[in-house]
C-alpha atoms as a PDB file:
ATOM      1  CA  MET A   1      14.948  20.821  -0.601  1.00  0.00           C
ATOM      2  CA  PRO A   2      11.864  18.677   0.218  1.00  0.00           C
ATOM      3  CA  ALA A   3      11.340  17.802   3.893  1.00  0.00           C
ATOM      4  CA  ARG A   4      12.602  14.357   4.891  1.00  0.00           C
ATOM      5  CA  ASP A   5      11.676  12.163   7.872  1.00  0.00           C
ATOM      6  CA  VAL A   6      14.054   9.252   7.214  1.00  0.00           C
ATOM      7  CA  ASP A   7      17.831   8.919   7.305  1.00  0.00           C
ATOM      8  CA  ALA A   8      20.148   7.082   4.915  1.00  0.00           C
ATOM      9  CA  ASP A   9      19.824   3.841   6.923  1.00  0.00           C
ATOM     10  CA  GLY A  10      16.033   3.807   6.828  1.00  0.00           C
ATOM     11  CA  GLN A  11      15.487   5.030  10.382  1.00  0.00           C
ATOM     12  CA  VAL A  12      12.593   7.320  11.248  1.00  0.00           C
ATOM     13  CA  PRO A  13      12.113   9.352  14.466  1.00  0.00           C
ATOM     14  CA  ASP A  14      10.522   7.631  17.441  1.00  0.00           C
ATOM     15  CA  ASP A  15       7.550   9.984  17.346  1.00  0.00           C
ATOM     16  CA  LEU A  16       6.578   8.652  13.914  1.00  0.00           C
ATOM     17  CA  VAL A  17       6.764   5.081  15.211  1.00  0.00           C
ATOM     18  CA  THR A  18       4.526   6.062  18.119  1.00  0.00           C
ATOM     19  CA  ALA A  19       2.091   7.829  15.794  1.00  0.00           C
ATOM     20  CA  TYR A  20       1.891   4.783  13.525  1.00  0.00           C
ATOM     21  CA  ARG A  21       1.215   2.381  16.386  1.00  0.00           C
ATOM     22  CA  GLU A  22      -1.425   4.651  17.904  1.00  0.00           C
ATOM     23  CA  SER A  23      -3.233   5.644  14.707  1.00  0.00           C
ATOM     24  CA  GLY A  24      -2.539   2.735  12.344  1.00  0.00           C
ATOM     25  CA  PHE A  25      -1.005   5.025   9.727  1.00  0.00           C
ATOM     26  CA  VAL A  26       1.737   7.621   9.375  1.00  0.00           C
ATOM     27  CA  ARG A  27       3.138   9.919   6.703  1.00  0.00           C
ATOM     28  CA  VAL A  28       6.893   9.681   6.090  1.00  0.00           C
ATOM     29  CA  ARG A  29       8.180  12.591   4.033  1.00  0.00           C
ATOM     30  CA  GLY A  30      11.011  12.445   1.524  1.00  0.00           C
ATOM     31  CA  VAL A  31      11.404   8.680   1.325  1.00  0.00           C
ATOM     32  CA  LEU A  32      12.524   9.132  -2.291  1.00  0.00           C
ATOM     33  CA  THR A  33      14.870  11.840  -3.550  1.00  0.00           C
ATOM     34  CA  PRO A  34      13.779  13.948  -6.540  1.00  0.00           C
ATOM     35  CA  GLY A  35      16.129  11.916  -8.744  1.00  0.00           C
ATOM     36  CA  GLN A  36      14.598   8.651  -7.559  1.00  0.00           C
ATOM     37  CA  VAL A  37      11.097  10.009  -8.102  1.00  0.00           C
ATOM     38  CA  GLU A  38      11.952  10.849 -11.700  1.00  0.00           C
ATOM     39  CA  ARG A  39      13.537   7.441 -12.320  1.00  0.00           C
ATOM     40  CA  PHE A  40      10.674   5.430 -10.847  1.00  0.00           C
ATOM     41  CA  ARG A  41       7.909   7.627 -12.282  1.00  0.00           C
ATOM     42  CA  THR A  42       9.359   7.267 -15.783  1.00  0.00           C
ATOM     43  CA  ALA A  43       9.596   3.486 -15.335  1.00  0.00           C
ATOM     44  CA  ALA A  44       6.034   3.304 -13.990  1.00  0.00           C
ATOM     45  CA  GLU A  45       4.638   5.275 -16.917  1.00  0.00           C
ATOM     46  CA  ALA A  46       6.482   3.046 -19.413  1.00  0.00           C
ATOM     47  CA  PHE A  47       5.358  -0.142 -17.663  1.00  0.00           C
ATOM     48  CA  LEU A  48       1.772   1.036 -17.564  1.00  0.00           C
ATOM     49  CA  ALA A  49       1.807   1.860 -21.278  1.00  0.00           C
ATOM     50  CA  ALA A  50       3.359  -1.495 -22.185  1.00  0.00           C
ATOM     51  CA  HIS A  51       1.080  -3.665 -20.048  1.00  0.00           C
ATOM     52  CA  ARG A  52      -2.213  -1.814 -20.108  1.00  0.00           C
ATOM     53  CA  ALA A  53      -3.889  -4.160 -22.609  1.00  0.00           C
ATOM     54  CA  GLU A  54      -2.578  -7.560 -21.545  1.00  0.00           C
ATOM     55  CA  SER A  55      -2.243  -7.470 -17.772  1.00  0.00           C
ATOM     56  CA  LEU A  56      -3.936  -4.365 -16.452  1.00  0.00           C
ATOM     57  CA  GLU A  57      -6.968  -5.007 -14.298  1.00  0.00           C
ATOM     58  CA  ARG A  58      -9.161  -2.017 -15.018  1.00  0.00           C
ATOM     59  CA  GLN A  59     -11.786  -1.164 -12.447  1.00  0.00           C
ATOM     60  CA  ALA A  60     -14.307   1.637 -12.219  1.00  0.00           C
ATOM     61  CA  VAL A  61     -12.245   3.488  -9.621  1.00  0.00           C
ATOM     62  CA  PHE A  62      -8.594   2.710 -10.424  1.00  0.00           C
ATOM     63  CA  SER A  63      -6.224   0.643 -12.539  1.00  0.00           C
ATOM     64  CA  GLN A  64      -4.066  -1.992 -10.856  1.00  0.00           C
ATOM     65  CA  LEU A  65      -0.946  -3.959 -11.782  1.00  0.00           C
ATOM     66  CA  VAL A  66       0.250  -6.596  -9.297  1.00  0.00           C
ATOM     67  CA  ASN A  67       3.778  -7.965  -8.708  1.00  0.00           C
ATOM     68  CA  VAL A  68       5.403  -5.396 -10.937  1.00  0.00           C
ATOM     69  CA  TRP A  69       8.719  -6.162  -9.197  1.00  0.00           C
ATOM     70  CA  GLN A  70       8.867  -9.528 -10.960  1.00  0.00           C
ATOM     71  CA  ARG A  71       8.581  -7.944 -14.414  1.00  0.00           C
ATOM     72  CA  ASP A  72      10.459  -4.645 -14.372  1.00  0.00           C
ATOM     73  CA  ARG A  73      14.046  -4.219 -13.124  1.00  0.00           C
ATOM     74  CA  THR A  74      13.717  -0.554 -12.260  1.00  0.00           C
ATOM     75  CA  LEU A  75      10.492  -0.940 -10.291  1.00  0.00           C
ATOM     76  CA  ARG A  76      11.976  -4.027  -8.612  1.00  0.00           C
ATOM     77  CA  ASP A  77      14.542  -1.662  -7.085  1.00  0.00           C
ATOM     78  CA  LEU A  78      11.702   0.367  -5.590  1.00  0.00           C
ATOM     79  CA  THR A  79       9.699  -2.579  -4.257  1.00  0.00           C
ATOM     80  CA  LEU A  80      12.761  -4.219  -2.681  1.00  0.00           C
ATOM     81  CA  ASP A  81      14.321  -0.974  -1.475  1.00  0.00           C
ATOM     82  CA  ARG A  82      16.146  -1.691   1.782  1.00  0.00           C
ATOM     83  CA  ARG A  83      15.320   1.672   3.322  1.00  0.00           C
ATOM     84  CA  LEU A  84      11.599   1.161   2.749  1.00  0.00           C
ATOM     85  CA  GLY A  85      11.766  -2.299   4.281  1.00  0.00           C
ATOM     86  CA  ARG A  86      13.677  -1.042   7.286  1.00  0.00           C
ATOM     87  CA  ILE A  87      11.142   1.735   7.860  1.00  0.00           C
ATOM     88  CA  ALA A  88       8.353  -0.841   7.674  1.00  0.00           C
ATOM     89  CA  GLU A  89      10.060  -3.153  10.201  1.00  0.00           C
ATOM     90  CA  GLN A  90      10.721  -0.241  12.545  1.00  0.00           C
ATOM     91  CA  LEU A  91       7.052   0.707  12.460  1.00  0.00           C
ATOM     92  CA  ALA A  92       5.796  -2.870  12.791  1.00  0.00           C
ATOM     93  CA  GLY A  93       8.271  -3.902  15.469  1.00  0.00           C
ATOM     94  CA  PHE A  94       8.833  -7.417  14.073  1.00  0.00           C
ATOM     95  CA  PRO A  95      10.409  -9.093  10.991  1.00  0.00           C
ATOM     96  CA  LEU A  96       8.571  -8.691   7.690  1.00  0.00           C
ATOM     97  CA  ARG A  97       8.513 -10.197   4.220  1.00  0.00           C
ATOM     98  CA  LEU A  98       7.240  -8.817   0.948  1.00  0.00           C
ATOM     99  CA  TRP A  99       3.648  -9.901   0.304  1.00  0.00           C
ATOM    100  CA  HIS A 100       3.328  -8.212  -3.075  1.00  0.00           C
ATOM    101  CA  ASP A 101       3.546  -4.849  -4.762  1.00  0.00           C
ATOM    102  CA  GLN A 102       1.026  -3.073  -6.950  1.00  0.00           C
ATOM    103  CA  MET A 103       0.849  -0.030  -9.151  1.00  0.00           C
ATOM    104  CA  LEU A 104      -2.352   1.906  -8.515  1.00  0.00           C
ATOM    105  CA  VAL A 105      -3.322   4.465 -11.129  1.00  0.00           C
ATOM    106  CA  LYS A 106      -6.214   6.892 -11.154  1.00  0.00           C
ATOM    107  CA  GLU A 107      -6.567   8.321 -14.617  1.00  0.00           C
ATOM    108  CA  PRO A 108      -7.162  12.055 -15.115  1.00  0.00           C
ATOM    109  CA  HIS A 109     -10.717  13.101 -14.246  1.00  0.00           C
ATOM    110  CA  ASN A 110     -11.713   9.586 -13.191  1.00  0.00           C
ATOM    111  CA  ASN A 111     -14.069  11.274 -10.680  1.00  0.00           C
ATOM    112  CA  ALA A 112     -14.483   8.065  -8.663  1.00  0.00           C
ATOM    113  CA  ALA A 113     -13.526   7.449  -5.058  1.00  0.00           C
ATOM    114  CA  THR A 114     -12.047   4.203  -3.776  1.00  0.00           C
ATOM    115  CA  GLN A 115     -14.487   3.706  -0.915  1.00  0.00           C
ATOM    116  CA  PHE A 116     -13.578   2.975   2.703  1.00  0.00           C
ATOM    117  CA  HIS A 117     -12.172  -0.500   3.274  1.00  0.00           C
ATOM    118  CA  GLN A 118      -9.542  -2.563   5.050  1.00  0.00           C
ATOM    119  CA  ASP A 119      -6.856  -4.450   3.101  1.00  0.00           C
ATOM    120  CA  ARG A 120      -6.231  -7.519   5.243  1.00  0.00           C
ATOM    121  CA  PRO A 121      -9.653  -9.235   4.749  1.00  0.00           C
ATOM    122  CA  TYR A 122      -8.792  -9.795   1.057  1.00  0.00           C
ATOM    123  CA  TRP A 123      -5.550 -11.672   1.755  1.00  0.00           C
ATOM    124  CA  PRO A 124      -5.069 -15.453   2.268  1.00  0.00           C
ATOM    125  CA  HIS A 125      -3.017 -15.038   5.439  1.00  0.00           C
ATOM    126  CA  ALA A 126      -3.036 -16.987   8.689  1.00  0.00           C
ATOM    127  CA  GLY A 127      -1.034 -16.818  11.917  1.00  0.00           C
ATOM    128  CA  ASP A 128       0.161 -13.270  11.232  1.00  0.00           C
ATOM    129  CA  ARG A 129       0.534 -10.071  13.160  1.00  0.00           C
ATOM    130  CA  LEU A 130      -0.451  -6.727  11.627  1.00  0.00           C
ATOM    131  CA  PRO A 131       0.667  -6.358   7.986  1.00  0.00           C
ATOM    132  CA  LEU A 132       1.330  -2.909   6.557  1.00  0.00           C
ATOM    133  CA  SER A 133       1.567  -1.149   3.218  1.00  0.00           C
ATOM    134  CA  ALA A 134       3.895   1.569   1.965  1.00  0.00           C
ATOM    135  CA  TRP A 135       1.924   3.829  -0.423  1.00  0.00           C
ATOM    136  CA  ILE A 136       4.549   5.782  -2.362  1.00  0.00           C
ATOM    137  CA  ALA A 137       3.559   8.885  -4.321  1.00  0.00           C
ATOM    138  CA  LEU A 138       5.338   9.097  -7.688  1.00  0.00           C
ATOM    139  CA  VAL A 139       3.603  12.398  -8.469  1.00  0.00           C
ATOM    140  CA  ASP A 140       2.273  15.111  -6.188  1.00  0.00           C
ATOM    141  CA  VAL A 141      -1.003  13.825  -4.725  1.00  0.00           C
ATOM    142  CA  PRO A 142      -3.081  16.628  -3.211  1.00  0.00           C
ATOM    143  CA  PRO A 143      -6.687  15.829  -2.256  1.00  0.00           C
ATOM    144  CA  GLU A 144      -7.998  16.713  -5.714  1.00  0.00           C
ATOM    145  CA  ARG A 145      -5.675  14.121  -7.316  1.00  0.00           C
ATOM    146  CA  GLY A 146      -6.805  11.221  -5.134  1.00  0.00           C
ATOM    147  CA  CYS A 147      -4.816  11.093  -1.901  1.00  0.00           C
ATOM    148  CA  MET A 148      -5.942   8.851   0.942  1.00  0.00           C
ATOM    149  CA  THR A 149      -8.150   9.456   3.945  1.00  0.00           C
ATOM    150  CA  PHE A 150      -7.732   7.277   7.050  1.00  0.00           C
ATOM    151  CA  LEU A 151      -9.838   6.243  10.046  1.00  0.00           C
ATOM    152  CA  PRO A 152      -7.329   6.596  12.920  1.00  0.00           C
ATOM    153  CA  GLY A 153      -7.124   3.817  15.478  1.00  0.00           C
ATOM    154  CA  THR A 154      -9.046   1.241  13.454  1.00  0.00           C
ATOM    155  CA  GLN A 155      -6.088  -1.136  13.119  1.00  0.00           C
ATOM    156  CA  ASP A 156      -7.600  -3.210  15.933  1.00  0.00           C
ATOM    157  CA  ARG A 157     -10.883  -3.865  14.053  1.00  0.00           C
ATOM    158  CA  THR A 158     -10.100  -7.401  12.930  1.00  0.00           C
ATOM    159  CA  GLY A 159     -12.408 -10.167  11.780  1.00  0.00           C
ATOM    160  CA  LEU A 160     -14.481  -8.136   9.323  1.00  0.00           C
ATOM    161  CA  ARG A 161     -15.425  -9.522   5.902  1.00  0.00           C
ATOM    162  CA  PRO A 162     -13.924  -8.027   2.709  1.00  0.00           C
ATOM    163  CA  GLN A 163     -15.584  -4.764   1.722  1.00  0.00           C
ATOM    164  CA  ASP A 164     -16.814  -3.505  -1.645  1.00  0.00           C
ATOM    165  CA  LEU A 165     -14.503  -0.735  -2.926  1.00  0.00           C
ATOM    166  CA  HIS A 166     -17.343   0.644  -5.038  1.00  0.00           C
ATOM    167  CA  HIS A 167     -19.909   0.912  -2.216  1.00  0.00           C
ATOM    168  CA  GLU A 168     -19.512   3.957   0.002  1.00  0.00           C
ATOM    169  CA  GLU A 169     -21.569   2.448   2.831  1.00  0.00           C
ATOM    170  CA  ASP A 170     -20.179  -1.090   2.890  1.00  0.00           C
ATOM    171  CA  LEU A 171     -17.530  -0.737   5.607  1.00  0.00           C
ATOM    172  CA  PHE A 172     -19.928   1.250   7.779  1.00  0.00           C
ATOM    173  CA  MET A 173     -22.667  -1.332   7.306  1.00  0.00           C
ATOM    174  CA  THR A 174     -20.175  -3.968   8.474  1.00  0.00           C
ATOM    175  CA  ASP A 175     -19.192  -1.957  11.565  1.00  0.00           C
ATOM    176  CA  PRO A 176     -21.503   1.059  12.138  1.00  0.00           C
ATOM    177  CA  SER A 177     -19.263   2.500  14.869  1.00  0.00           C
ATOM    178  CA  LEU A 178     -16.591   3.321  12.278  1.00  0.00           C
ATOM    179  CA  ARG A 179     -18.805   5.996  10.694  1.00  0.00           C
ATOM    180  CA  TRP A 180     -18.233   8.392  13.589  1.00  0.00           C
ATOM    181  CA  ILE A 181     -14.438   8.225  13.786  1.00  0.00           C
ATOM    182  CA  PRO A 182     -12.844  11.566  12.760  1.00  0.00           C
ATOM    183  CA  ARG A 183     -11.203  11.171   9.359  1.00  0.00           C
ATOM    184  CA  VAL A 184      -7.703  12.306   8.429  1.00  0.00           C
ATOM    185  CA  THR A 185      -6.825  13.176   4.818  1.00  0.00           C
ATOM    186  CA  VAL A 186      -3.103  13.013   3.997  1.00  0.00           C
ATOM    187  CA  PRO A 187      -1.826  14.866   0.890  1.00  0.00           C
ATOM    188  CA  LEU A 188       1.579  13.738  -0.363  1.00  0.00           C
ATOM    189  CA  ARG A 189       4.330  15.350  -2.366  1.00  0.00           C
ATOM    190  CA  ALA A 190       6.087  13.164  -4.916  1.00  0.00           C
ATOM    191  CA  GLY A 191       8.556  11.024  -2.955  1.00  0.00           C
ATOM    192  CA  ASP A 192       6.490  11.028   0.242  1.00  0.00           C
ATOM    193  CA  CYS A 193       4.933   7.837   1.553  1.00  0.00           C
ATOM    194  CA  THR A 194       2.205   6.741   3.906  1.00  0.00           C
ATOM    195  CA  PHE A 195       2.436   3.491   5.823  1.00  0.00           C
ATOM    196  CA  HIS A 196      -0.838   1.986   7.004  1.00  0.00           C
ATOM    197  CA  SER A 197      -1.842  -1.209   8.743  1.00  0.00           C
ATOM    198  CA  GLY A 198      -3.743  -3.816   6.777  1.00  0.00           C
ATOM    199  CA  TYR A 199      -6.694  -3.327   9.131  1.00  0.00           C
ATOM    200  CA  THR A 200      -6.738   0.483   9.172  1.00  0.00           C
ATOM    201  CA  GLY A 201      -9.844   1.761   7.430  1.00  0.00           C
ATOM    202  CA  HIS A 202      -8.999   4.034   4.509  1.00  0.00           C
ATOM    203  CA  MET A 203     -10.247   5.373   1.192  1.00  0.00           C
ATOM    204  CA  ALA A 204      -8.817   7.321  -1.755  1.00  0.00           C
ATOM    205  CA  LEU A 205     -10.455  10.426  -3.150  1.00  0.00           C
ATOM    206  CA  PRO A 206     -11.335  10.890  -6.831  1.00  0.00           C
ATOM    207  CA  ASN A 207      -8.806  12.278  -9.288  1.00  0.00           C
ATOM    208  CA  ARG A 208     -10.318  15.483 -10.629  1.00  0.00           C
ATOM    209  CA  THR A 209      -7.103  16.821 -12.203  1.00  0.00           C
ATOM    210  CA  ASP A 210      -5.490  16.678 -15.639  1.00  0.00           C
ATOM    211  CA  GLN A 211      -2.643  14.431 -14.415  1.00  0.00           C
ATOM    212  CA  ALA A 212      -2.769  10.706 -13.659  1.00  0.00           C
ATOM    213  CA  ARG A 213      -2.272   9.753 -10.029  1.00  0.00           C
ATOM    214  CA  LEU A 214       0.621   7.275  -9.947  1.00  0.00           C
ATOM    215  CA  ALA A 215       1.203   5.385  -6.724  1.00  0.00           C
ATOM    216  CA  HIS A 216       3.469   2.398  -6.103  1.00  0.00           C
ATOM    217  CA  VAL A 217       2.411   0.265  -3.146  1.00  0.00           C
ATOM    218  CA  THR A 218       4.730  -2.194  -1.413  1.00  0.00           C
ATOM    219  CA  ILE A 219       2.847  -4.511   0.940  1.00  0.00           C
ATOM    220  CA  TYR A 220       4.666  -6.184   3.807  1.00  0.00           C
ATOM    221  CA  MET A 221       3.508  -9.121   5.913  1.00  0.00           C
ATOM    222  CA  ASP A 222       4.664 -10.709   9.145  1.00  0.00           C
ATOM    223  CA  ALA A 223       7.623 -12.977   8.271  1.00  0.00           C
ATOM    224  CA  ARG A 224       5.872 -15.907   9.962  1.00  0.00           C
ATOM    225  CA  THR A 225       2.663 -15.625   7.881  1.00  0.00           C
ATOM    226  CA  ARG A 226       1.168 -18.861   6.553  1.00  0.00           C
ATOM    227  CA  TYR A 227      -1.167 -19.498   3.640  1.00  0.00           C
ATOM    228  CA  SER A 228      -4.807 -19.751   4.690  1.00  0.00           C
ATOM    229  CA  GLY A 229      -5.885 -21.720   1.612  1.00  0.00           C
ATOM    230  CA  THR A 230      -8.279 -19.119   0.207  1.00  0.00           C
ATOM    231  CA  PRO A 231      -7.878 -17.967  -3.428  1.00  0.00           C
ATOM    232  CA  HIS A 232      -5.775 -14.927  -4.301  1.00  0.00           C
ATOM    233  CA  VAL A 233      -4.112 -13.810  -7.522  1.00  0.00           C
ATOM    234  CA  VAL A 234      -0.661 -13.788  -5.887  1.00  0.00           C
ATOM    235  CA  THR A 235      -0.816 -17.343  -4.543  1.00  0.00           C
ATOM    236  CA  ASP A 236      -3.149 -19.185  -6.936  1.00  0.00           C
ATOM    237  CA  ALA A 237      -0.360 -20.405  -9.239  1.00  0.00           C
ATOM    238  CA  LEU A 238       2.144 -21.358  -6.537  1.00  0.00           C
ATOM    239  CA  GLY A 239       0.777 -24.793  -5.613  1.00  0.00           C
ATOM    240  CA  LEU A 240       0.544 -23.986  -1.922  1.00  0.00           C
ATOM    241  CA  ALA A 241      -1.353 -25.981   0.673  1.00  0.00           C
ATOM    242  CA  ALA A 242      -3.140 -24.404   3.601  1.00  0.00           C
ATOM    243  CA  GLY A 243      -0.651 -23.930   6.418  1.00  0.00           C
ATOM    244  CA  ASP A 244       2.409 -23.479   4.177  1.00  0.00           C
ATOM    245  CA  ARG A 245       4.749 -20.638   5.072  1.00  0.00           C
ATOM    246  CA  LEU A 246       4.690 -17.678   2.694  1.00  0.00           C
ATOM    247  CA  ASP A 247       8.438 -17.371   2.248  1.00  0.00           C
ATOM    248  CA  GLY A 248      11.183 -18.103  -0.265  1.00  0.00           C
ATOM    249  CA  GLU A 249      11.945 -16.248  -3.483  1.00  0.00           C
ATOM    250  CA  ASN A 250       8.354 -15.143  -4.064  1.00  0.00           C
ATOM    251  CA  PHE A 251       8.211 -13.409  -0.689  1.00  0.00           C
ATOM    252  CA  PRO A 252      11.711 -12.027  -0.017  1.00  0.00           C
ATOM    253  CA  ARG A 253      13.093  -9.801   2.742  1.00  0.00           C
ATOM    254  CA  PRO A 254      16.207  -8.165   1.220  1.00  0.00           C
ATOM    255  CA  TRP A 255      16.378  -5.476   3.936  1.00  0.00           C
ATOM    256  CA  SER A 256      17.321  -8.008   6.658  1.00  0.00           C
END
């Protein structure tokens, strides 16, 4: 039976909460059961095949589908999973809402790294405390299949500009001190998850294997977050004004 760090109510041990708050990331094993992995992996593969041409943003380093939860009932169950949300709130220490989800796929032998970056500088958020993402492995993700590497303790490096995912030096040019932080690579078995702060520096290794790397990412934000007014694919069509709360049906919190 795979190792598990979470109980049926979505509670994780205190030492994992402490590790997350100190390092800005943590691995939580066995978030999904083998049966859930199979269900969600099958749905992800079908969704990817159906939407590749019309709504898949293909990049040099990975393929991305955003707000899958609004278009697929099975993957909606994963994005809005109460246990995942409760783990996220336990780690954060304050109420959260869904920001968005995304399917991140590295095709077999893509041989391209997703370079070091922070997530939060890309988002149109204001008045928020630390957001965090749940990166859920739907297949085994050893280093050679593109697991993530983190820069521990960098969740306090706020105020940096967005970084170029294709440029291996960009984050370190923005803050040269980050280059010398010891790096931690975190392989995942299918069903495991990492949670990381939106400011924690991280990258994903190339996929050099014969199998696609399938990851489902659920991104949580502080429940009091407001719209900053800057463009973003998630908010552009919502008619928001700067200062509006990011809440309501587009940004739910079903785990409350």
